[in-house]
N, C-alpha and C. Protein backbone atom coordinates (compact mmCIF):
# COMPACT_ATOMS: atom_id res chain seq x y z
N UNK A 1 4.79 -7.45 -21.39
CA UNK A 1 3.94 -6.58 -20.54
C UNK A 1 4.43 -6.63 -19.07
N UNK A 2 4.49 -5.47 -18.48
CA UNK A 2 4.88 -5.40 -17.02
C UNK A 2 3.61 -5.52 -16.17
N UNK A 3 3.64 -6.58 -15.29
CA UNK A 3 2.61 -6.79 -14.34
C UNK A 3 3.03 -6.27 -13.03
N UNK A 4 2.22 -5.38 -12.45
CA UNK A 4 2.52 -4.74 -11.15
C UNK A 4 1.41 -5.11 -10.16
N UNK A 5 1.77 -5.72 -9.07
CA UNK A 5 0.81 -6.05 -7.97
C UNK A 5 0.77 -4.99 -6.98
N UNK A 6 -0.37 -4.42 -6.75
CA UNK A 6 -0.62 -3.47 -5.57
C UNK A 6 -1.24 -4.30 -4.46
N UNK A 7 -0.56 -4.46 -3.42
CA UNK A 7 -1.02 -5.20 -2.19
C UNK A 7 -1.23 -4.17 -1.09
N UNK A 8 -2.51 -3.90 -0.76
CA UNK A 8 -2.76 -2.70 0.03
C UNK A 8 -4.15 -2.82 0.73
N UNK A 9 -4.58 -1.69 1.28
CA UNK A 9 -5.82 -1.65 2.03
C UNK A 9 -6.80 -0.56 1.41
N UNK A 10 -7.64 0.01 2.24
CA UNK A 10 -8.74 0.85 1.70
C UNK A 10 -8.19 2.16 1.08
N UNK A 11 -6.99 2.55 1.47
CA UNK A 11 -6.46 3.78 0.84
C UNK A 11 -6.20 3.58 -0.64
N UNK A 12 -6.00 2.31 -1.01
CA UNK A 12 -5.79 1.95 -2.42
C UNK A 12 -6.96 1.33 -3.10
N UNK A 13 -7.83 0.63 -2.30
CA UNK A 13 -9.07 0.15 -2.79
C UNK A 13 -9.91 1.30 -3.29
N UNK A 14 -9.74 2.47 -2.68
CA UNK A 14 -10.46 3.65 -3.12
C UNK A 14 -11.70 3.99 -2.50
N UNK A 15 -11.80 3.73 -1.14
CA UNK A 15 -13.03 4.06 -0.50
C UNK A 15 -13.23 5.55 -0.53
N UNK A 16 -14.44 6.02 -0.78
CA UNK A 16 -14.74 7.47 -0.75
C UNK A 16 -14.98 7.87 0.72
N UNK A 17 -14.11 8.82 1.23
CA UNK A 17 -14.14 9.05 2.69
C UNK A 17 -15.53 9.38 3.23
N UNK A 18 -15.82 8.79 4.37
CA UNK A 18 -17.06 8.86 5.15
C UNK A 18 -18.25 8.32 4.42
N UNK A 19 -17.95 7.36 3.52
CA UNK A 19 -19.05 6.61 2.83
C UNK A 19 -18.57 5.17 2.78
N UNK A 20 -19.43 4.28 2.18
CA UNK A 20 -19.01 2.94 1.88
C UNK A 20 -18.94 2.73 0.34
N UNK A 21 -18.81 3.79 -0.36
CA UNK A 21 -18.69 3.84 -1.79
C UNK A 21 -17.22 3.76 -2.24
N UNK A 22 -16.96 3.52 -3.52
CA UNK A 22 -15.66 3.31 -4.07
C UNK A 22 -15.49 4.21 -5.29
N UNK A 23 -14.30 4.89 -5.24
CA UNK A 23 -13.92 5.67 -6.50
C UNK A 23 -13.72 4.67 -7.70
N UNK A 24 -14.05 5.20 -8.92
CA UNK A 24 -13.78 4.37 -10.16
C UNK A 24 -12.31 4.04 -10.32
N UNK A 25 -12.02 3.06 -11.14
CA UNK A 25 -10.61 2.64 -11.31
C UNK A 25 -9.78 3.82 -11.83
N UNK A 26 -10.32 4.64 -12.70
CA UNK A 26 -9.53 5.80 -13.22
C UNK A 26 -9.46 6.90 -12.23
N UNK A 27 -10.11 6.80 -11.05
CA UNK A 27 -10.02 7.83 -10.05
C UNK A 27 -9.12 7.48 -8.92
N UNK A 28 -9.04 6.17 -8.62
CA UNK A 28 -8.19 5.74 -7.44
C UNK A 28 -6.75 5.59 -7.97
N UNK A 29 -5.81 5.68 -7.06
CA UNK A 29 -4.37 5.84 -7.45
C UNK A 29 -3.83 4.74 -8.30
N UNK A 30 -4.16 3.42 -8.02
CA UNK A 30 -3.60 2.40 -8.90
C UNK A 30 -4.00 2.54 -10.34
N UNK A 31 -5.30 2.93 -10.57
CA UNK A 31 -5.72 3.16 -11.93
C UNK A 31 -5.15 4.42 -12.58
N UNK A 32 -5.01 5.47 -11.77
CA UNK A 32 -4.32 6.68 -12.24
C UNK A 32 -2.87 6.27 -12.63
N UNK A 33 -2.20 5.53 -11.86
CA UNK A 33 -0.84 5.10 -12.17
C UNK A 33 -0.79 4.30 -13.42
N UNK A 34 -1.67 3.30 -13.57
CA UNK A 34 -1.68 2.44 -14.80
C UNK A 34 -1.87 3.29 -16.06
N UNK A 35 -2.86 4.22 -16.01
CA UNK A 35 -3.16 4.99 -17.15
C UNK A 35 -2.00 6.01 -17.46
N UNK A 36 -1.35 6.52 -16.49
CA UNK A 36 -0.22 7.41 -16.72
C UNK A 36 0.94 6.62 -17.31
N UNK A 37 1.21 5.39 -16.80
CA UNK A 37 2.33 4.61 -17.34
C UNK A 37 1.95 4.21 -18.78
N UNK A 38 0.74 3.84 -19.11
CA UNK A 38 0.36 3.46 -20.43
C UNK A 38 0.47 4.68 -21.39
N UNK A 39 0.23 5.82 -20.92
CA UNK A 39 0.36 7.04 -21.76
C UNK A 39 1.79 7.30 -22.22
N UNK A 40 2.76 6.67 -21.53
CA UNK A 40 4.21 6.89 -21.94
C UNK A 40 4.56 5.86 -22.95
N UNK A 41 3.63 4.86 -23.28
CA UNK A 41 3.93 3.80 -24.21
C UNK A 41 4.24 2.50 -23.54
N UNK A 42 4.25 2.50 -22.29
CA UNK A 42 4.59 1.25 -21.55
C UNK A 42 3.43 0.24 -21.59
N UNK A 43 3.74 -1.00 -21.85
CA UNK A 43 2.73 -2.04 -21.77
C UNK A 43 2.71 -2.50 -20.32
N UNK A 44 1.52 -2.19 -19.65
CA UNK A 44 1.49 -2.47 -18.18
C UNK A 44 0.14 -2.88 -17.74
N UNK A 45 0.06 -3.75 -16.74
CA UNK A 45 -1.14 -4.19 -16.11
C UNK A 45 -1.00 -4.08 -14.66
N UNK A 46 -1.91 -3.27 -14.03
CA UNK A 46 -1.82 -3.15 -12.56
C UNK A 46 -2.86 -4.12 -11.95
N UNK A 47 -2.39 -4.96 -11.11
CA UNK A 47 -3.22 -6.01 -10.43
C UNK A 47 -3.57 -5.44 -9.04
N UNK A 48 -4.81 -5.19 -8.79
CA UNK A 48 -5.23 -4.62 -7.48
C UNK A 48 -5.60 -5.71 -6.53
N UNK A 49 -4.87 -5.88 -5.38
CA UNK A 49 -5.29 -6.77 -4.31
C UNK A 49 -5.32 -5.87 -3.14
N UNK A 50 -6.43 -5.14 -3.00
CA UNK A 50 -6.58 -4.12 -1.95
C UNK A 50 -7.84 -4.52 -1.13
N UNK A 51 -7.71 -4.62 0.19
CA UNK A 51 -8.78 -5.04 0.98
C UNK A 51 -8.97 -4.06 2.16
N UNK A 52 -10.23 -3.59 2.24
CA UNK A 52 -10.55 -2.66 3.34
C UNK A 52 -10.23 -3.31 4.71
N UNK A 53 -9.52 -2.54 5.54
CA UNK A 53 -9.22 -2.99 6.91
C UNK A 53 -7.98 -3.90 6.97
N UNK A 54 -7.28 -4.17 5.89
CA UNK A 54 -6.10 -5.04 5.97
C UNK A 54 -5.00 -4.46 6.78
N UNK A 55 -4.54 -5.31 7.72
CA UNK A 55 -3.41 -5.00 8.62
C UNK A 55 -2.11 -5.57 7.92
N UNK A 56 -0.95 -5.39 8.54
CA UNK A 56 0.21 -6.06 8.09
C UNK A 56 0.12 -7.56 8.50
N UNK A 57 0.34 -7.82 9.79
CA UNK A 57 0.45 -9.19 10.28
C UNK A 57 -0.64 -9.56 11.33
N UNK A 58 -1.59 -8.60 11.61
CA UNK A 58 -2.54 -8.84 12.63
C UNK A 58 -3.94 -9.04 12.11
N UNK A 59 -4.75 -9.71 12.86
CA UNK A 59 -6.12 -9.98 12.43
C UNK A 59 -7.07 -8.90 13.05
N UNK A 60 -8.13 -8.57 12.38
CA UNK A 60 -9.20 -7.74 12.91
C UNK A 60 -10.10 -8.60 13.80
N UNK A 61 -10.28 -8.27 15.08
CA UNK A 61 -11.08 -9.12 15.95
C UNK A 61 -12.57 -9.17 15.57
N UNK A 62 -13.02 -8.17 14.79
CA UNK A 62 -14.40 -8.07 14.44
C UNK A 62 -14.74 -8.55 12.99
N UNK A 63 -13.74 -8.56 12.16
CA UNK A 63 -13.96 -8.85 10.75
C UNK A 63 -12.78 -9.77 10.25
N UNK A 64 -12.89 -11.05 10.27
CA UNK A 64 -11.82 -11.97 9.91
C UNK A 64 -11.36 -11.70 8.50
N UNK A 65 -10.07 -12.15 8.27
CA UNK A 65 -9.51 -12.16 6.90
C UNK A 65 -8.75 -10.95 6.58
N UNK A 66 -8.46 -10.07 7.59
CA UNK A 66 -7.74 -8.80 7.33
C UNK A 66 -6.25 -8.89 7.63
N UNK A 67 -5.73 -10.05 7.89
CA UNK A 67 -4.34 -10.29 8.26
C UNK A 67 -3.53 -10.32 6.91
N UNK A 68 -2.73 -9.30 6.66
CA UNK A 68 -2.09 -9.21 5.38
C UNK A 68 -1.13 -10.24 5.00
N UNK A 69 -0.51 -10.85 6.04
CA UNK A 69 0.46 -11.94 5.80
C UNK A 69 -0.22 -13.20 5.27
N UNK A 70 -1.45 -13.41 5.72
CA UNK A 70 -2.18 -14.59 5.32
C UNK A 70 -2.43 -14.65 3.82
N UNK A 71 -1.93 -15.69 3.16
CA UNK A 71 -2.19 -15.89 1.75
C UNK A 71 -1.34 -15.07 0.81
N UNK A 72 -0.37 -14.25 1.33
CA UNK A 72 0.42 -13.43 0.49
C UNK A 72 1.30 -14.23 -0.47
N UNK A 73 1.92 -15.28 0.05
CA UNK A 73 2.73 -16.13 -0.84
C UNK A 73 2.01 -16.65 -2.01
N UNK A 74 0.78 -17.14 -1.70
CA UNK A 74 -0.03 -17.67 -2.82
C UNK A 74 -0.43 -16.58 -3.81
N UNK A 75 -0.67 -15.36 -3.28
CA UNK A 75 -1.01 -14.20 -4.15
C UNK A 75 0.10 -13.98 -5.16
N UNK A 76 1.34 -13.99 -4.60
CA UNK A 76 2.53 -13.75 -5.50
C UNK A 76 2.61 -14.92 -6.53
N UNK A 77 2.39 -16.12 -5.99
CA UNK A 77 2.49 -17.30 -6.94
C UNK A 77 1.45 -17.16 -8.06
N UNK A 78 0.19 -16.86 -7.70
CA UNK A 78 -0.85 -16.87 -8.78
C UNK A 78 -0.76 -15.75 -9.78
N UNK A 79 -0.05 -14.69 -9.39
CA UNK A 79 0.04 -13.50 -10.31
C UNK A 79 1.44 -13.39 -11.03
N UNK A 80 2.36 -14.26 -10.68
CA UNK A 80 3.66 -14.18 -11.32
C UNK A 80 3.56 -14.61 -12.82
N UNK A 81 4.49 -14.09 -13.64
CA UNK A 81 5.66 -13.23 -13.19
C UNK A 81 5.26 -11.82 -12.98
N UNK A 82 5.89 -11.22 -12.01
CA UNK A 82 5.59 -9.81 -11.66
C UNK A 82 6.84 -8.91 -11.85
N UNK A 83 6.57 -7.78 -12.43
CA UNK A 83 7.73 -6.82 -12.59
C UNK A 83 7.96 -6.03 -11.34
N UNK A 84 6.94 -5.90 -10.46
CA UNK A 84 7.06 -5.08 -9.25
C UNK A 84 5.87 -5.43 -8.30
N UNK A 85 6.20 -5.40 -7.03
CA UNK A 85 5.11 -5.46 -6.01
C UNK A 85 5.15 -4.12 -5.25
N UNK A 86 4.01 -3.47 -5.10
CA UNK A 86 3.85 -2.24 -4.37
C UNK A 86 3.13 -2.57 -3.09
N UNK A 87 3.76 -2.30 -1.94
CA UNK A 87 3.06 -2.47 -0.61
C UNK A 87 2.69 -1.09 -0.05
N UNK A 88 1.45 -0.88 0.21
CA UNK A 88 1.04 0.33 0.89
C UNK A 88 0.09 -0.07 2.03
N UNK A 89 0.74 -0.43 3.16
CA UNK A 89 0.02 -0.86 4.30
C UNK A 89 0.49 -0.23 5.59
N UNK A 90 -0.23 -0.35 6.64
CA UNK A 90 0.20 0.21 7.96
C UNK A 90 -0.84 0.92 8.62
N UNK A 91 -1.68 1.62 7.94
CA UNK A 91 -2.73 2.52 8.50
C UNK A 91 -3.59 1.75 9.46
N UNK A 92 -4.05 0.55 9.10
CA UNK A 92 -4.97 -0.18 9.95
C UNK A 92 -4.36 -0.81 11.17
N UNK A 93 -2.99 -0.87 11.20
CA UNK A 93 -2.32 -1.35 12.45
C UNK A 93 -2.62 -0.37 13.60
N UNK A 94 -3.13 0.78 13.30
CA UNK A 94 -3.36 1.80 14.34
C UNK A 94 -4.81 1.99 14.61
N UNK A 95 -5.63 1.06 14.29
CA UNK A 95 -7.02 1.11 14.71
C UNK A 95 -7.07 1.00 16.26
N UNK A 96 -8.11 1.52 16.81
CA UNK A 96 -8.19 1.71 18.29
C UNK A 96 -8.22 0.40 19.04
N UNK A 97 -8.55 -0.73 18.44
CA UNK A 97 -8.49 -2.00 19.15
C UNK A 97 -7.11 -2.59 19.30
N UNK A 98 -6.12 -1.91 18.65
CA UNK A 98 -4.69 -2.32 18.79
C UNK A 98 -3.89 -1.33 19.57
N UNK A 99 -2.78 -1.86 20.13
CA UNK A 99 -1.91 -1.00 20.92
C UNK A 99 -0.57 -0.85 20.28
N UNK A 100 -0.47 -1.03 18.96
CA UNK A 100 0.82 -1.13 18.26
C UNK A 100 1.39 0.34 18.04
N UNK A 101 2.67 0.36 17.87
CA UNK A 101 3.35 1.62 17.52
C UNK A 101 4.09 1.50 16.16
N UNK A 102 4.78 2.57 15.74
CA UNK A 102 5.33 2.59 14.40
C UNK A 102 6.36 1.47 14.16
N UNK A 103 7.11 1.12 15.20
CA UNK A 103 8.14 0.04 15.09
C UNK A 103 7.46 -1.27 14.80
N UNK A 104 6.35 -1.53 15.54
CA UNK A 104 5.59 -2.79 15.33
C UNK A 104 5.08 -2.89 13.92
N UNK A 105 4.49 -1.79 13.45
CA UNK A 105 3.99 -1.83 12.08
C UNK A 105 5.05 -2.05 11.00
N UNK A 106 6.18 -1.39 11.19
CA UNK A 106 7.31 -1.60 10.26
C UNK A 106 7.79 -3.04 10.29
N UNK A 107 7.82 -3.65 11.46
CA UNK A 107 8.21 -5.04 11.53
C UNK A 107 7.18 -5.91 10.82
N UNK A 108 5.95 -5.56 10.90
CA UNK A 108 4.94 -6.30 10.15
C UNK A 108 5.16 -6.25 8.69
N UNK A 109 5.51 -5.05 8.17
CA UNK A 109 5.90 -4.91 6.72
C UNK A 109 7.09 -5.79 6.41
N UNK A 110 8.03 -5.92 7.36
CA UNK A 110 9.19 -6.75 7.14
C UNK A 110 8.78 -8.22 6.92
N UNK A 111 7.79 -8.67 7.70
CA UNK A 111 7.31 -10.04 7.49
C UNK A 111 6.63 -10.20 6.12
N UNK A 112 6.02 -9.18 5.62
CA UNK A 112 5.39 -9.26 4.32
C UNK A 112 6.46 -9.33 3.22
N UNK A 113 7.52 -8.55 3.40
CA UNK A 113 8.70 -8.58 2.49
C UNK A 113 9.20 -10.00 2.36
N UNK A 114 9.39 -10.59 3.54
CA UNK A 114 9.96 -11.99 3.54
C UNK A 114 9.04 -12.94 2.85
N UNK A 115 7.70 -12.73 3.07
CA UNK A 115 6.77 -13.65 2.39
C UNK A 115 6.77 -13.52 0.90
N UNK A 116 6.94 -12.25 0.45
CA UNK A 116 7.00 -12.05 -1.06
C UNK A 116 8.26 -12.75 -1.63
N UNK A 117 9.39 -12.54 -0.99
CA UNK A 117 10.60 -13.09 -1.46
C UNK A 117 10.70 -14.61 -1.27
N UNK A 118 9.91 -15.15 -0.39
CA UNK A 118 9.94 -16.58 -0.17
C UNK A 118 8.74 -17.28 -0.83
N UNK A 119 8.00 -16.61 -1.67
CA UNK A 119 6.78 -17.19 -2.35
C UNK A 119 7.19 -18.35 -3.28
N UNK A 120 6.35 -19.33 -3.36
CA UNK A 120 6.65 -20.56 -4.18
C UNK A 120 6.39 -20.34 -5.60
N UNK A 121 7.08 -19.41 -6.24
CA UNK A 121 6.86 -19.14 -7.66
C UNK A 121 7.47 -20.25 -8.52
N UNK A 122 7.08 -20.27 -9.75
CA UNK A 122 7.54 -21.37 -10.70
C UNK A 122 9.05 -21.18 -10.94
N UNK A 123 9.75 -22.24 -11.19
CA UNK A 123 11.22 -22.14 -11.50
C UNK A 123 11.45 -21.22 -12.69
N UNK A 124 12.42 -20.35 -12.55
CA UNK A 124 12.80 -19.44 -13.71
C UNK A 124 12.10 -18.12 -13.59
N UNK A 125 11.02 -18.10 -12.88
CA UNK A 125 10.32 -16.73 -12.75
C UNK A 125 11.03 -15.82 -11.74
N UNK A 126 11.07 -14.57 -12.01
CA UNK A 126 11.81 -13.61 -11.15
C UNK A 126 11.19 -13.35 -9.79
N UNK A 127 11.99 -13.26 -8.77
CA UNK A 127 11.56 -12.73 -7.52
C UNK A 127 11.37 -11.24 -7.73
N UNK A 128 10.14 -10.74 -7.59
CA UNK A 128 9.92 -9.31 -8.01
C UNK A 128 10.54 -8.31 -6.97
N UNK A 129 11.05 -7.11 -7.56
CA UNK A 129 11.42 -6.06 -6.62
C UNK A 129 10.23 -5.51 -5.90
N UNK A 130 10.45 -4.87 -4.82
CA UNK A 130 9.38 -4.41 -3.92
C UNK A 130 9.51 -2.91 -3.74
N UNK A 131 8.44 -2.16 -3.95
CA UNK A 131 8.29 -0.73 -3.62
C UNK A 131 7.48 -0.58 -2.31
N UNK A 132 8.07 -0.19 -1.29
CA UNK A 132 7.32 -0.02 -0.01
C UNK A 132 6.88 1.46 0.07
N UNK A 133 5.59 1.70 0.14
CA UNK A 133 5.11 3.10 0.22
C UNK A 133 4.55 3.32 1.55
N UNK A 134 5.14 4.38 2.22
CA UNK A 134 4.63 4.77 3.61
C UNK A 134 3.29 5.57 3.32
N UNK A 135 2.28 5.22 4.08
CA UNK A 135 1.03 6.02 3.90
C UNK A 135 1.23 7.44 4.47
N UNK A 136 0.38 8.35 4.05
CA UNK A 136 0.42 9.72 4.57
C UNK A 136 0.23 9.74 6.02
N UNK A 137 0.76 10.69 6.68
CA UNK A 137 0.63 10.82 8.11
C UNK A 137 -0.82 10.92 8.53
N UNK A 138 -1.20 10.06 9.47
CA UNK A 138 -2.57 10.06 9.93
C UNK A 138 -2.94 11.31 10.73
N UNK A 139 -4.11 11.83 10.40
CA UNK A 139 -4.65 12.98 11.20
C UNK A 139 -5.69 12.39 12.23
N UNK A 140 -6.19 13.26 13.05
CA UNK A 140 -7.26 12.84 13.93
C UNK A 140 -8.50 12.43 13.12
N UNK A 141 -8.98 11.18 13.32
CA UNK A 141 -10.06 10.67 12.47
C UNK A 141 -11.32 11.39 12.75
N UNK A 142 -12.13 11.60 11.69
CA UNK A 142 -13.42 12.28 11.73
C UNK A 142 -14.49 11.48 11.09
N UNK A 143 -15.75 11.78 11.43
CA UNK A 143 -16.90 11.15 10.79
C UNK A 143 -17.09 9.71 11.35
N UNK A 144 -17.68 8.88 10.47
CA UNK A 144 -18.14 7.57 11.02
C UNK A 144 -17.03 6.67 11.47
N UNK A 145 -15.77 6.89 10.98
CA UNK A 145 -14.64 6.02 11.36
C UNK A 145 -13.91 6.53 12.61
N UNK A 146 -14.38 7.60 13.17
CA UNK A 146 -13.67 8.24 14.30
C UNK A 146 -13.48 7.23 15.43
N UNK A 147 -14.45 6.48 15.90
CA UNK A 147 -14.23 5.52 17.01
C UNK A 147 -13.22 4.44 16.63
N UNK A 148 -13.26 4.03 15.39
CA UNK A 148 -12.40 2.94 14.95
C UNK A 148 -10.91 3.39 14.90
N UNK A 149 -10.67 4.65 14.71
CA UNK A 149 -9.28 5.16 14.60
C UNK A 149 -8.92 6.17 15.70
N UNK A 150 -9.68 6.15 16.78
CA UNK A 150 -9.42 7.06 17.90
C UNK A 150 -7.98 6.92 18.36
N UNK A 151 -7.27 8.03 18.41
CA UNK A 151 -5.88 8.04 18.91
C UNK A 151 -4.83 7.58 17.82
N UNK A 152 -5.24 7.29 16.64
CA UNK A 152 -4.31 6.74 15.61
C UNK A 152 -3.20 7.72 15.30
N UNK A 153 -3.51 9.02 15.35
CA UNK A 153 -2.45 10.05 14.98
C UNK A 153 -1.32 10.06 15.99
N UNK A 154 -1.59 9.62 17.20
CA UNK A 154 -0.52 9.55 18.19
C UNK A 154 0.20 8.17 18.11
N UNK A 155 -0.48 7.11 18.04
CA UNK A 155 0.18 5.79 17.93
C UNK A 155 1.09 5.64 16.73
N UNK A 156 0.67 6.33 15.64
CA UNK A 156 1.43 6.18 14.36
C UNK A 156 2.60 7.14 14.26
N UNK A 157 2.90 7.93 15.29
CA UNK A 157 4.00 8.84 15.15
C UNK A 157 5.30 8.12 14.81
N UNK A 158 5.98 8.63 13.82
CA UNK A 158 7.32 8.02 13.38
C UNK A 158 7.10 6.88 12.36
N UNK A 159 5.97 6.60 11.89
CA UNK A 159 5.78 5.52 10.98
C UNK A 159 6.58 5.66 9.71
N UNK A 160 6.55 6.83 9.08
CA UNK A 160 7.27 7.06 7.84
C UNK A 160 8.78 6.80 7.98
N UNK A 161 9.35 7.29 9.06
CA UNK A 161 10.78 7.02 9.27
C UNK A 161 11.07 5.58 9.54
N UNK A 162 10.15 4.89 10.25
CA UNK A 162 10.35 3.48 10.53
C UNK A 162 10.27 2.66 9.28
N UNK A 163 9.35 2.99 8.41
CA UNK A 163 9.20 2.27 7.11
C UNK A 163 10.41 2.53 6.20
N UNK A 164 10.82 3.78 6.15
CA UNK A 164 11.97 4.08 5.32
C UNK A 164 13.27 3.26 5.81
N UNK A 165 13.47 3.25 7.13
CA UNK A 165 14.57 2.48 7.65
C UNK A 165 14.46 0.98 7.31
N UNK A 166 13.25 0.46 7.38
CA UNK A 166 13.04 -0.96 7.04
C UNK A 166 13.37 -1.18 5.60
N UNK A 167 12.89 -0.32 4.72
CA UNK A 167 13.11 -0.53 3.25
C UNK A 167 14.59 -0.45 2.97
N UNK A 168 15.30 0.40 3.55
CA UNK A 168 16.74 0.48 3.39
C UNK A 168 17.48 -0.78 3.88
N UNK A 169 17.02 -1.26 5.02
CA UNK A 169 17.59 -2.45 5.63
C UNK A 169 17.37 -3.70 4.83
N UNK A 170 16.13 -3.72 4.16
CA UNK A 170 15.73 -4.95 3.43
C UNK A 170 15.96 -4.77 1.93
N UNK A 171 16.64 -3.79 1.51
CA UNK A 171 16.94 -3.51 0.13
C UNK A 171 15.75 -3.45 -0.75
N UNK A 172 14.70 -2.70 -0.27
CA UNK A 172 13.51 -2.40 -1.00
C UNK A 172 13.55 -0.94 -1.48
N UNK A 173 12.77 -0.67 -2.57
CA UNK A 173 12.56 0.74 -2.94
C UNK A 173 11.55 1.36 -1.91
N UNK A 174 11.68 2.71 -1.83
CA UNK A 174 10.76 3.35 -0.82
C UNK A 174 10.17 4.63 -1.44
N UNK A 175 8.95 4.89 -1.06
CA UNK A 175 8.31 6.14 -1.48
C UNK A 175 7.43 6.57 -0.36
N UNK A 176 7.51 7.90 -0.02
CA UNK A 176 6.72 8.50 0.96
C UNK A 176 5.48 9.14 0.44
N UNK A 177 4.34 8.52 0.59
CA UNK A 177 3.12 9.11 0.01
C UNK A 177 2.84 10.48 0.61
N UNK A 178 3.26 10.69 1.88
CA UNK A 178 3.07 12.02 2.49
C UNK A 178 3.80 13.09 1.87
N UNK A 179 4.78 12.75 0.95
CA UNK A 179 5.58 13.80 0.27
C UNK A 179 4.81 14.44 -0.83
N UNK A 180 3.62 13.82 -1.22
CA UNK A 180 2.88 14.36 -2.29
C UNK A 180 1.38 14.68 -1.91
N UNK A 181 0.95 14.15 -0.74
CA UNK A 181 -0.45 14.36 -0.32
C UNK A 181 -0.52 14.10 1.19
N UNK A 182 -1.42 14.87 1.85
CA UNK A 182 -1.82 14.51 3.22
C UNK A 182 -3.00 13.52 3.10
N UNK A 183 -3.54 13.13 4.28
CA UNK A 183 -4.81 12.27 4.27
C UNK A 183 -5.99 13.18 4.00
N UNK A 184 -7.12 12.56 3.90
CA UNK A 184 -8.39 13.14 3.51
C UNK A 184 -8.76 14.35 4.39
N UNK A 185 -9.27 15.39 3.67
CA UNK A 185 -9.87 16.53 4.39
C UNK A 185 -11.22 16.16 4.99
N UNK A 186 -11.76 15.04 4.59
CA UNK A 186 -13.08 14.67 5.15
C UNK A 186 -12.99 13.78 6.37
N UNK A 187 -12.15 12.68 6.33
CA UNK A 187 -12.07 11.77 7.52
C UNK A 187 -10.73 11.69 8.15
N UNK A 188 -9.69 12.29 7.58
CA UNK A 188 -8.38 12.31 8.16
C UNK A 188 -7.54 11.02 8.00
N UNK A 189 -8.11 10.01 7.35
CA UNK A 189 -7.44 8.73 7.25
C UNK A 189 -7.24 8.28 5.80
N UNK A 190 -8.27 8.42 4.98
CA UNK A 190 -8.23 7.91 3.63
C UNK A 190 -7.74 8.98 2.70
N UNK A 191 -8.09 8.85 1.39
CA UNK A 191 -7.63 9.84 0.39
C UNK A 191 -8.82 10.35 -0.37
N UNK A 192 -8.81 11.65 -0.62
CA UNK A 192 -9.83 12.29 -1.46
C UNK A 192 -9.43 12.04 -2.91
N UNK A 193 -10.37 12.41 -3.85
CA UNK A 193 -10.15 12.08 -5.23
C UNK A 193 -8.90 12.81 -5.75
N UNK A 194 -8.74 14.07 -5.50
CA UNK A 194 -7.50 14.81 -5.97
C UNK A 194 -6.27 14.25 -5.39
N UNK A 195 -6.32 13.70 -4.14
CA UNK A 195 -5.18 13.11 -3.53
C UNK A 195 -4.83 11.79 -4.16
N UNK A 196 -5.81 11.01 -4.55
CA UNK A 196 -5.51 9.75 -5.37
C UNK A 196 -4.84 10.15 -6.63
N UNK A 197 -5.26 11.17 -7.29
CA UNK A 197 -4.66 11.62 -8.56
C UNK A 197 -3.20 11.94 -8.41
N UNK A 198 -2.90 12.78 -7.37
CA UNK A 198 -1.54 13.23 -7.11
C UNK A 198 -0.63 12.02 -6.79
N UNK A 199 -1.15 11.12 -5.96
CA UNK A 199 -0.32 9.94 -5.59
C UNK A 199 -0.09 9.05 -6.78
N UNK A 200 -1.12 8.79 -7.60
CA UNK A 200 -1.02 7.90 -8.73
C UNK A 200 -0.01 8.48 -9.78
N UNK A 201 -0.08 9.76 -10.00
CA UNK A 201 0.85 10.38 -10.95
C UNK A 201 2.28 10.36 -10.45
N UNK A 202 2.43 10.61 -9.15
CA UNK A 202 3.81 10.55 -8.59
C UNK A 202 4.38 9.12 -8.63
N UNK A 203 3.49 8.18 -8.29
CA UNK A 203 3.99 6.80 -8.29
C UNK A 203 4.29 6.32 -9.74
N UNK A 204 3.51 6.81 -10.71
CA UNK A 204 3.83 6.50 -12.10
C UNK A 204 5.20 6.89 -12.50
N UNK A 205 5.61 8.06 -12.11
CA UNK A 205 6.95 8.57 -12.35
C UNK A 205 8.01 7.71 -11.73
N UNK A 206 7.72 7.38 -10.44
CA UNK A 206 8.67 6.53 -9.66
C UNK A 206 8.85 5.15 -10.24
N UNK A 207 7.66 4.60 -10.58
CA UNK A 207 7.71 3.18 -11.19
C UNK A 207 8.35 3.21 -12.52
N UNK A 208 8.09 4.19 -13.32
CA UNK A 208 8.73 4.27 -14.62
C UNK A 208 10.27 4.25 -14.51
N UNK A 209 10.73 5.02 -13.51
CA UNK A 209 12.21 5.05 -13.27
C UNK A 209 12.71 3.70 -12.73
N UNK A 210 11.97 3.14 -11.81
CA UNK A 210 12.45 1.83 -11.24
C UNK A 210 12.43 0.72 -12.25
N UNK A 211 11.44 0.61 -13.04
CA UNK A 211 11.46 -0.45 -14.07
C UNK A 211 12.51 -0.31 -15.13
N UNK A 212 12.72 0.95 -15.46
CA UNK A 212 13.89 1.17 -16.40
C UNK A 212 15.20 0.82 -15.78
N UNK A 213 15.35 1.04 -14.48
CA UNK A 213 16.59 0.71 -13.84
C UNK A 213 16.74 -0.78 -13.64
N UNK A 214 15.60 -1.48 -13.39
CA UNK A 214 15.61 -2.96 -13.26
C UNK A 214 16.02 -3.63 -14.60
N UNK A 215 15.67 -3.06 -15.69
CA UNK A 215 15.97 -3.65 -16.98
C UNK A 215 17.39 -3.47 -17.38
N UNK A 216 18.09 -2.53 -16.74
CA UNK A 216 19.44 -2.23 -17.17
C UNK A 216 20.43 -3.05 -16.27
């Protein structure tokens, strides 16, 4: 069985835009991806480790425990062996209480890559390949989250290119979520149900190809 870890934030947790509710597993993209891969005959288990508000390497001053680097090595250890780790982070680095830019966020992802590759896994278990997914381009935030993400669309300019360059430099796989979907029509930051479906289906195709390549 292929075990795939999704290490991500609310875009993958499946928050329903402008609510505190959650899409069902079969509606949010990790579930869509698992079901699509299973439909091809692949034996697969998607492990969701997705936390609302998770940053790459910074803490939330109002809600502790959102520093993505914290505990990542142990997360890899406890879920190994892994066929693939999917990272989809960066959006929360641009919340209004931070002053970071695209380069900073990409460097944060670089620290996560190092933590994954340096995790204390058991002898003989594989160091998993990493698929870094750039989030869709942020729009002006709307609704209840607008104050939290004020100005995010400006601070995040160039994020996709910065993440792609990082993935290439660190020999990771790369996927641009913005190539298949924009952000939510409701709040400008998260994903609507149809957008989860498009992303999950696209990532299923990508993962299918990557895992076949890793086996050869």
